[in-house]
């Protein structure tokens, strides 16, 4: 499965915060990866993070999930419409969200609320080749990039936080970071397999 077929909606809140700053940087690795790879970077530790009001969507079409990878904020729902000519049964046994939507035909849609941060592997019990991932992050201050490319997260309230970095084949990394008012914090992060 090509994990670069993803759809991100940057869920950074549109409201500007007083005393806010920015973090930018790049994520690299010395590990050999099979494909040009996506990384997700987010801020943990925001008090009362705002959950995006928009519902994300992961469709079933052509006996595949579209997108096959997405990021949502804990507390956000994902609509799962069946846009295919065949019935599907979307489910997951992942610890952050265990669910089974049952069998439903074309034109129907079901929704799942993702309450806990973590990686949720999504499958269809009727079509073994159908696989997707949903990364649930703890705040709306996140961004995605490709390995070695720059990322940027704006309008972060000033304070001390953890910067989390995720890649599907590498070890999750957490880096302490201080965000200061009207300043850009620059970081360079290297991920490894261990």
C-alpha atoms as a PDB file:
ATOM      1  CA  UNK A   1       0.000   0.000   0.000  1.00  0.00           C
ATOM      2  CA  UNK A   2       1.309   3.430  -0.874  1.00  0.00           C
ATOM      3  CA  UNK A   3       1.147   5.473   2.325  1.00  0.00           C
ATOM      4  CA  UNK A   4       1.774   8.657   0.384  1.00  0.00           C
ATOM      5  CA  UNK A   5      -1.859   8.583  -0.731  1.00  0.00           C
ATOM      6  CA  UNK A   6      -3.012  10.622   2.175  1.00  0.00           C
ATOM      7  CA  UNK A   7      -5.188  13.598   2.788  1.00  0.00           C
ATOM      8  CA  UNK A   8      -4.384  16.085   5.467  1.00  0.00           C
ATOM      9  CA  UNK A   9      -6.489  18.959   6.537  1.00  0.00           C
ATOM     10  CA  UNK A  10      -4.250  21.067   8.735  1.00  0.00           C
ATOM     11  CA  UNK A  11      -6.404  21.367  11.805  1.00  0.00           C
ATOM     12  CA  UNK A  12      -4.624  24.317  13.293  1.00  0.00           C
ATOM     13  CA  UNK A  13      -7.312  26.553  14.711  1.00  0.00           C
ATOM     14  CA  UNK A  14      -8.088  29.620  12.688  1.00  0.00           C
ATOM     15  CA  UNK A  15      -8.194  31.907  15.697  1.00  0.00           C
ATOM     16  CA  UNK A  16      -4.955  33.714  16.398  1.00  0.00           C
ATOM     17  CA  UNK A  17      -3.781  33.532  19.972  1.00  0.00           C
ATOM     18  CA  UNK A  18      -2.311  36.422  21.901  1.00  0.00           C
ATOM     19  CA  UNK A  19       1.176  35.486  23.060  1.00  0.00           C
ATOM     20  CA  UNK A  20       1.543  32.900  20.296  1.00  0.00           C
ATOM     21  CA  UNK A  21       4.579  31.572  18.476  1.00  0.00           C
ATOM     22  CA  UNK A  22       5.608  29.204  15.691  1.00  0.00           C
ATOM     23  CA  UNK A  23       7.695  26.064  15.431  1.00  0.00           C
ATOM     24  CA  UNK A  24       9.330  24.996  12.179  1.00  0.00           C
ATOM     25  CA  UNK A  25      12.007  22.569  11.147  1.00  0.00           C
ATOM     26  CA  UNK A  26      12.757  19.323   9.351  1.00  0.00           C
ATOM     27  CA  UNK A  27      12.615  15.645  10.207  1.00  0.00           C
ATOM     28  CA  UNK A  28      15.314  13.345   8.844  1.00  0.00           C
ATOM     29  CA  UNK A  29      16.488   9.771   9.250  1.00  0.00           C
ATOM     30  CA  UNK A  30      19.559   7.743   8.391  1.00  0.00           C
ATOM     31  CA  UNK A  31      17.359   4.664   7.972  1.00  0.00           C
ATOM     32  CA  UNK A  32      16.601   3.303   4.523  1.00  0.00           C
ATOM     33  CA  UNK A  33      12.918   3.688   3.737  1.00  0.00           C
ATOM     34  CA  UNK A  34      11.042   1.983   0.911  1.00  0.00           C
ATOM     35  CA  UNK A  35       9.166   5.072  -0.219  1.00  0.00           C
ATOM     36  CA  UNK A  36       9.303   8.821   0.131  1.00  0.00           C
ATOM     37  CA  UNK A  37       7.669   9.027   3.522  1.00  0.00           C
ATOM     38  CA  UNK A  38       5.214  11.245   5.355  1.00  0.00           C
ATOM     39  CA  UNK A  39       5.891  12.421   8.894  1.00  0.00           C
ATOM     40  CA  UNK A  40       3.447  14.070  11.295  1.00  0.00           C
ATOM     41  CA  UNK A  41       4.538  16.631  13.884  1.00  0.00           C
ATOM     42  CA  UNK A  42       2.305  17.955  16.659  1.00  0.00           C
ATOM     43  CA  UNK A  43       2.340  19.822  19.974  1.00  0.00           C
ATOM     44  CA  UNK A  44       1.271  17.989  23.166  1.00  0.00           C
ATOM     45  CA  UNK A  45       0.369  19.686  26.420  1.00  0.00           C
ATOM     46  CA  UNK A  46      -1.961  22.434  25.190  1.00  0.00           C
ATOM     47  CA  UNK A  47      -4.557  23.205  27.870  1.00  0.00           C
ATOM     48  CA  UNK A  48      -8.109  22.634  26.640  1.00  0.00           C
ATOM     49  CA  UNK A  49      -7.185  22.050  22.990  1.00  0.00           C
ATOM     50  CA  UNK A  50      -9.947  23.008  20.580  1.00  0.00           C
ATOM     51  CA  UNK A  51     -11.358  20.074  18.636  1.00  0.00           C
ATOM     52  CA  UNK A  52     -11.964  20.900  14.961  1.00  0.00           C
ATOM     53  CA  UNK A  53     -15.674  21.291  14.259  1.00  0.00           C
ATOM     54  CA  UNK A  54     -15.379  19.782  10.792  1.00  0.00           C
ATOM     55  CA  UNK A  55     -15.846  16.045  10.446  1.00  0.00           C
ATOM     56  CA  UNK A  56     -13.099  14.239   8.563  1.00  0.00           C
ATOM     57  CA  UNK A  57     -14.026  11.685   5.900  1.00  0.00           C
ATOM     58  CA  UNK A  58     -12.521   8.338   4.868  1.00  0.00           C
ATOM     59  CA  UNK A  59     -14.422   6.877   1.923  1.00  0.00           C
ATOM     60  CA  UNK A  60     -14.570   3.312   0.656  1.00  0.00           C
ATOM     61  CA  UNK A  61     -14.198   3.274  -3.114  1.00  0.00           C
ATOM     62  CA  UNK A  62     -12.643   0.843  -5.587  1.00  0.00           C
ATOM     63  CA  UNK A  63     -12.273  -1.672  -2.723  1.00  0.00           C
ATOM     64  CA  UNK A  64      -9.845   0.740  -1.026  1.00  0.00           C
ATOM     65  CA  UNK A  65      -9.973   3.371   1.687  1.00  0.00           C
ATOM     66  CA  UNK A  66      -9.564   6.936   0.471  1.00  0.00           C
ATOM     67  CA  UNK A  67      -7.488   8.416   1.878  1.00  0.00           C
ATOM     68  CA  UNK A  68      -5.489   5.448   3.163  1.00  0.00           C
ATOM     69  CA  UNK A  69      -3.936   7.647   5.864  1.00  0.00           C
ATOM     70  CA  UNK A  70      -5.287  10.612   7.783  1.00  0.00           C
ATOM     71  CA  UNK A  71      -4.683  12.630  10.920  1.00  0.00           C
ATOM     72  CA  UNK A  72      -7.457  13.663  13.304  1.00  0.00           C
ATOM     73  CA  UNK A  73      -7.524  15.339  16.716  1.00  0.00           C
ATOM     74  CA  UNK A  74      -8.661  13.363  19.770  1.00  0.00           C
ATOM     75  CA  UNK A  75     -12.402  13.971  20.106  1.00  0.00           C
ATOM     76  CA  UNK A  76     -12.905  14.410  16.357  1.00  0.00           C
ATOM     77  CA  UNK A  77     -15.242  12.182  14.318  1.00  0.00           C
ATOM     78  CA  UNK A  78     -14.546  10.536  10.978  1.00  0.00           C
ATOM     79  CA  UNK A  79     -17.365   9.937   8.508  1.00  0.00           C
ATOM     80  CA  UNK A  80     -16.937   6.623   6.634  1.00  0.00           C
ATOM     81  CA  UNK A  81     -19.199   6.676   3.560  1.00  0.00           C
ATOM     82  CA  UNK A  82     -19.486   3.670   1.284  1.00  0.00           C
ATOM     83  CA  UNK A  83     -19.058   5.136  -2.208  1.00  0.00           C
ATOM     84  CA  UNK A  84     -18.338   1.708  -3.688  1.00  0.00           C
ATOM     85  CA  UNK A  85     -20.582  -0.602  -5.710  1.00  0.00           C
ATOM     86  CA  UNK A  86     -20.090  -3.325  -3.101  1.00  0.00           C
ATOM     87  CA  UNK A  87     -20.864  -3.617   0.608  1.00  0.00           C
ATOM     88  CA  UNK A  88     -18.160  -3.130   3.259  1.00  0.00           C
ATOM     89  CA  UNK A  89     -17.690  -3.750   6.970  1.00  0.00           C
ATOM     90  CA  UNK A  90     -15.238  -1.219   8.428  1.00  0.00           C
ATOM     91  CA  UNK A  91     -13.620  -2.167  11.734  1.00  0.00           C
ATOM     92  CA  UNK A  92     -10.561  -1.821  13.967  1.00  0.00           C
ATOM     93  CA  UNK A  93      -9.138  -3.758  16.911  1.00  0.00           C
ATOM     94  CA  UNK A  94      -6.614  -1.019  17.734  1.00  0.00           C
ATOM     95  CA  UNK A  95      -6.244  -0.028  21.376  1.00  0.00           C
ATOM     96  CA  UNK A  96      -6.997   3.708  20.897  1.00  0.00           C
ATOM     97  CA  UNK A  97     -10.309   2.852  19.174  1.00  0.00           C
ATOM     98  CA  UNK A  98     -11.900  -0.570  18.861  1.00  0.00           C
ATOM     99  CA  UNK A  99     -15.002  -0.473  16.632  1.00  0.00           C
ATOM    100  CA  UNK A 100     -17.043  -2.478  14.132  1.00  0.00           C
ATOM    101  CA  UNK A 101     -19.473  -0.587  11.884  1.00  0.00           C
ATOM    102  CA  UNK A 102     -21.211  -3.675  10.504  1.00  0.00           C
ATOM    103  CA  UNK A 103     -21.994  -4.338   6.860  1.00  0.00           C
ATOM    104  CA  UNK A 104     -23.432  -1.418   4.902  1.00  0.00           C
ATOM    105  CA  UNK A 105     -24.054  -0.861   1.169  1.00  0.00           C
ATOM    106  CA  UNK A 106     -23.290   1.909  -1.306  1.00  0.00           C
ATOM    107  CA  UNK A 107     -24.826   5.242  -0.384  1.00  0.00           C
ATOM    108  CA  UNK A 108     -24.779   4.635   3.363  1.00  0.00           C
ATOM    109  CA  UNK A 109     -22.334   6.223   5.775  1.00  0.00           C
ATOM    110  CA  UNK A 110     -21.362   5.628   9.371  1.00  0.00           C
ATOM    111  CA  UNK A 111     -19.288   7.766  11.714  1.00  0.00           C
ATOM    112  CA  UNK A 112     -16.708   7.014  14.402  1.00  0.00           C
ATOM    113  CA  UNK A 113     -15.518   9.371  17.134  1.00  0.00           C
ATOM    114  CA  UNK A 114     -11.824   8.966  17.995  1.00  0.00           C
ATOM    115  CA  UNK A 115     -11.409   9.892  21.675  1.00  0.00           C
ATOM    116  CA  UNK A 116      -7.893   8.665  22.477  1.00  0.00           C
ATOM    117  CA  UNK A 117      -4.550   9.556  20.835  1.00  0.00           C
ATOM    118  CA  UNK A 118      -2.685   6.788  19.035  1.00  0.00           C
ATOM    119  CA  UNK A 119      -2.529   4.862  15.773  1.00  0.00           C
ATOM    120  CA  UNK A 120      -5.729   3.161  14.608  1.00  0.00           C
ATOM    121  CA  UNK A 121      -5.419   0.459  11.945  1.00  0.00           C
ATOM    122  CA  UNK A 122      -8.612   0.262   9.884  1.00  0.00           C
ATOM    123  CA  UNK A 123      -9.755  -2.774   7.866  1.00  0.00           C
ATOM    124  CA  UNK A 124     -12.734  -4.211   5.998  1.00  0.00           C
ATOM    125  CA  UNK A 125     -13.729  -7.712   7.137  1.00  0.00           C
ATOM    126  CA  UNK A 126     -15.074  -8.487   3.666  1.00  0.00           C
ATOM    127  CA  UNK A 127     -12.020  -7.350   1.664  1.00  0.00           C
ATOM    128  CA  UNK A 128      -8.689  -8.327   3.205  1.00  0.00           C
ATOM    129  CA  UNK A 129      -6.696  -6.005   0.919  1.00  0.00           C
ATOM    130  CA  UNK A 130      -8.413  -2.911   2.367  1.00  0.00           C
ATOM    131  CA  UNK A 131      -6.175  -1.245   4.956  1.00  0.00           C
ATOM    132  CA  UNK A 132      -5.853   2.282   6.294  1.00  0.00           C
ATOM    133  CA  UNK A 133      -4.329   4.172   9.223  1.00  0.00           C
ATOM    134  CA  UNK A 134      -5.735   7.004  11.285  1.00  0.00           C
ATOM    135  CA  UNK A 135      -3.276   8.867  13.500  1.00  0.00           C
ATOM    136  CA  UNK A 136      -5.125  10.494  16.402  1.00  0.00           C
ATOM    137  CA  UNK A 137      -3.118  13.372  17.878  1.00  0.00           C
ATOM    138  CA  UNK A 138      -3.658  15.185  21.165  1.00  0.00           C
ATOM    139  CA  UNK A 139      -4.020  18.743  19.878  1.00  0.00           C
ATOM    140  CA  UNK A 140      -5.083  20.703  16.804  1.00  0.00           C
ATOM    141  CA  UNK A 141      -1.539  22.086  16.509  1.00  0.00           C
ATOM    142  CA  UNK A 142      -0.135  19.617  14.004  1.00  0.00           C
ATOM    143  CA  UNK A 143       1.298  19.519  10.544  1.00  0.00           C
ATOM    144  CA  UNK A 144       2.502  16.950   8.064  1.00  0.00           C
ATOM    145  CA  UNK A 145       5.517  16.943   5.859  1.00  0.00           C
ATOM    146  CA  UNK A 146       7.714  14.536   3.980  1.00  0.00           C
ATOM    147  CA  UNK A 147      10.963  13.212   5.314  1.00  0.00           C
ATOM    148  CA  UNK A 148      13.645  15.886   4.864  1.00  0.00           C
ATOM    149  CA  UNK A 149      11.151  18.647   3.980  1.00  0.00           C
ATOM    150  CA  UNK A 150      10.280  21.612   6.191  1.00  0.00           C
ATOM    151  CA  UNK A 151       7.203  21.676   8.428  1.00  0.00           C
ATOM    152  CA  UNK A 152       5.625  24.624  10.224  1.00  0.00           C
ATOM    153  CA  UNK A 153       3.010  24.966  12.979  1.00  0.00           C
ATOM    154  CA  UNK A 154       1.740  28.491  13.695  1.00  0.00           C
ATOM    155  CA  UNK A 155      -0.272  30.305  16.384  1.00  0.00           C
ATOM    156  CA  UNK A 156       0.833  28.032  19.253  1.00  0.00           C
ATOM    157  CA  UNK A 157       0.095  29.600  22.663  1.00  0.00           C
ATOM    158  CA  UNK A 158       3.330  30.532  24.428  1.00  0.00           C
ATOM    159  CA  UNK A 159       4.465  27.879  26.923  1.00  0.00           C
ATOM    160  CA  UNK A 160       6.442  24.700  27.499  1.00  0.00           C
ATOM    161  CA  UNK A 161       5.283  21.626  25.577  1.00  0.00           C
ATOM    162  CA  UNK A 162       6.303  18.335  24.016  1.00  0.00           C
ATOM    163  CA  UNK A 163       6.835  18.201  20.258  1.00  0.00           C
ATOM    164  CA  UNK A 164       5.864  14.736  18.996  1.00  0.00           C
ATOM    165  CA  UNK A 165       7.077  13.298  15.703  1.00  0.00           C
ATOM    166  CA  UNK A 166       5.573  10.207  14.047  1.00  0.00           C
ATOM    167  CA  UNK A 167       6.442   8.081  11.032  1.00  0.00           C
ATOM    168  CA  UNK A 168       4.801   4.726  10.316  1.00  0.00           C
ATOM    169  CA  UNK A 169       8.090   2.767  10.214  1.00  0.00           C
ATOM    170  CA  UNK A 170      10.140   4.635  12.828  1.00  0.00           C
ATOM    171  CA  UNK A 171      10.048   5.177  16.589  1.00  0.00           C
ATOM    172  CA  UNK A 172       7.804   7.945  17.903  1.00  0.00           C
ATOM    173  CA  UNK A 173       9.952  10.790  19.181  1.00  0.00           C
ATOM    174  CA  UNK A 174       9.124  13.379  21.824  1.00  0.00           C
ATOM    175  CA  UNK A 175      11.180  16.567  22.237  1.00  0.00           C
ATOM    176  CA  UNK A 176      10.635  19.275  24.874  1.00  0.00           C
ATOM    177  CA  UNK A 177      10.043  22.664  23.306  1.00  0.00           C
ATOM    178  CA  UNK A 178       9.448  26.182  24.542  1.00  0.00           C
ATOM    179  CA  UNK A 179       7.180  28.409  22.480  1.00  0.00           C
ATOM    180  CA  UNK A 180       7.657  32.137  23.004  1.00  0.00           C
ATOM    181  CA  UNK A 181       5.535  35.058  21.888  1.00  0.00           C
ATOM    182  CA  UNK A 182       6.062  36.264  18.297  1.00  0.00           C
ATOM    183  CA  UNK A 183       9.048  33.971  17.865  1.00  0.00           C
ATOM    184  CA  UNK A 184       9.879  31.029  15.615  1.00  0.00           C
ATOM    185  CA  UNK A 185      11.410  27.983  17.303  1.00  0.00           C
ATOM    186  CA  UNK A 186      13.543  26.078  14.804  1.00  0.00           C
ATOM    187  CA  UNK A 187      14.121  22.345  15.337  1.00  0.00           C
ATOM    188  CA  UNK A 188      15.962  19.576  13.521  1.00  0.00           C
ATOM    189  CA  UNK A 189      14.750  16.087  14.447  1.00  0.00           C
ATOM    190  CA  UNK A 190      16.243  12.721  13.517  1.00  0.00           C
ATOM    191  CA  UNK A 191      14.102   9.581  13.714  1.00  0.00           C
ATOM    192  CA  UNK A 192      15.448   6.056  14.103  1.00  0.00           C
ATOM    193  CA  UNK A 193      13.972   2.553  14.190  1.00  0.00           C
ATOM    194  CA  UNK A 194      14.837   2.192  17.884  1.00  0.00           C
END
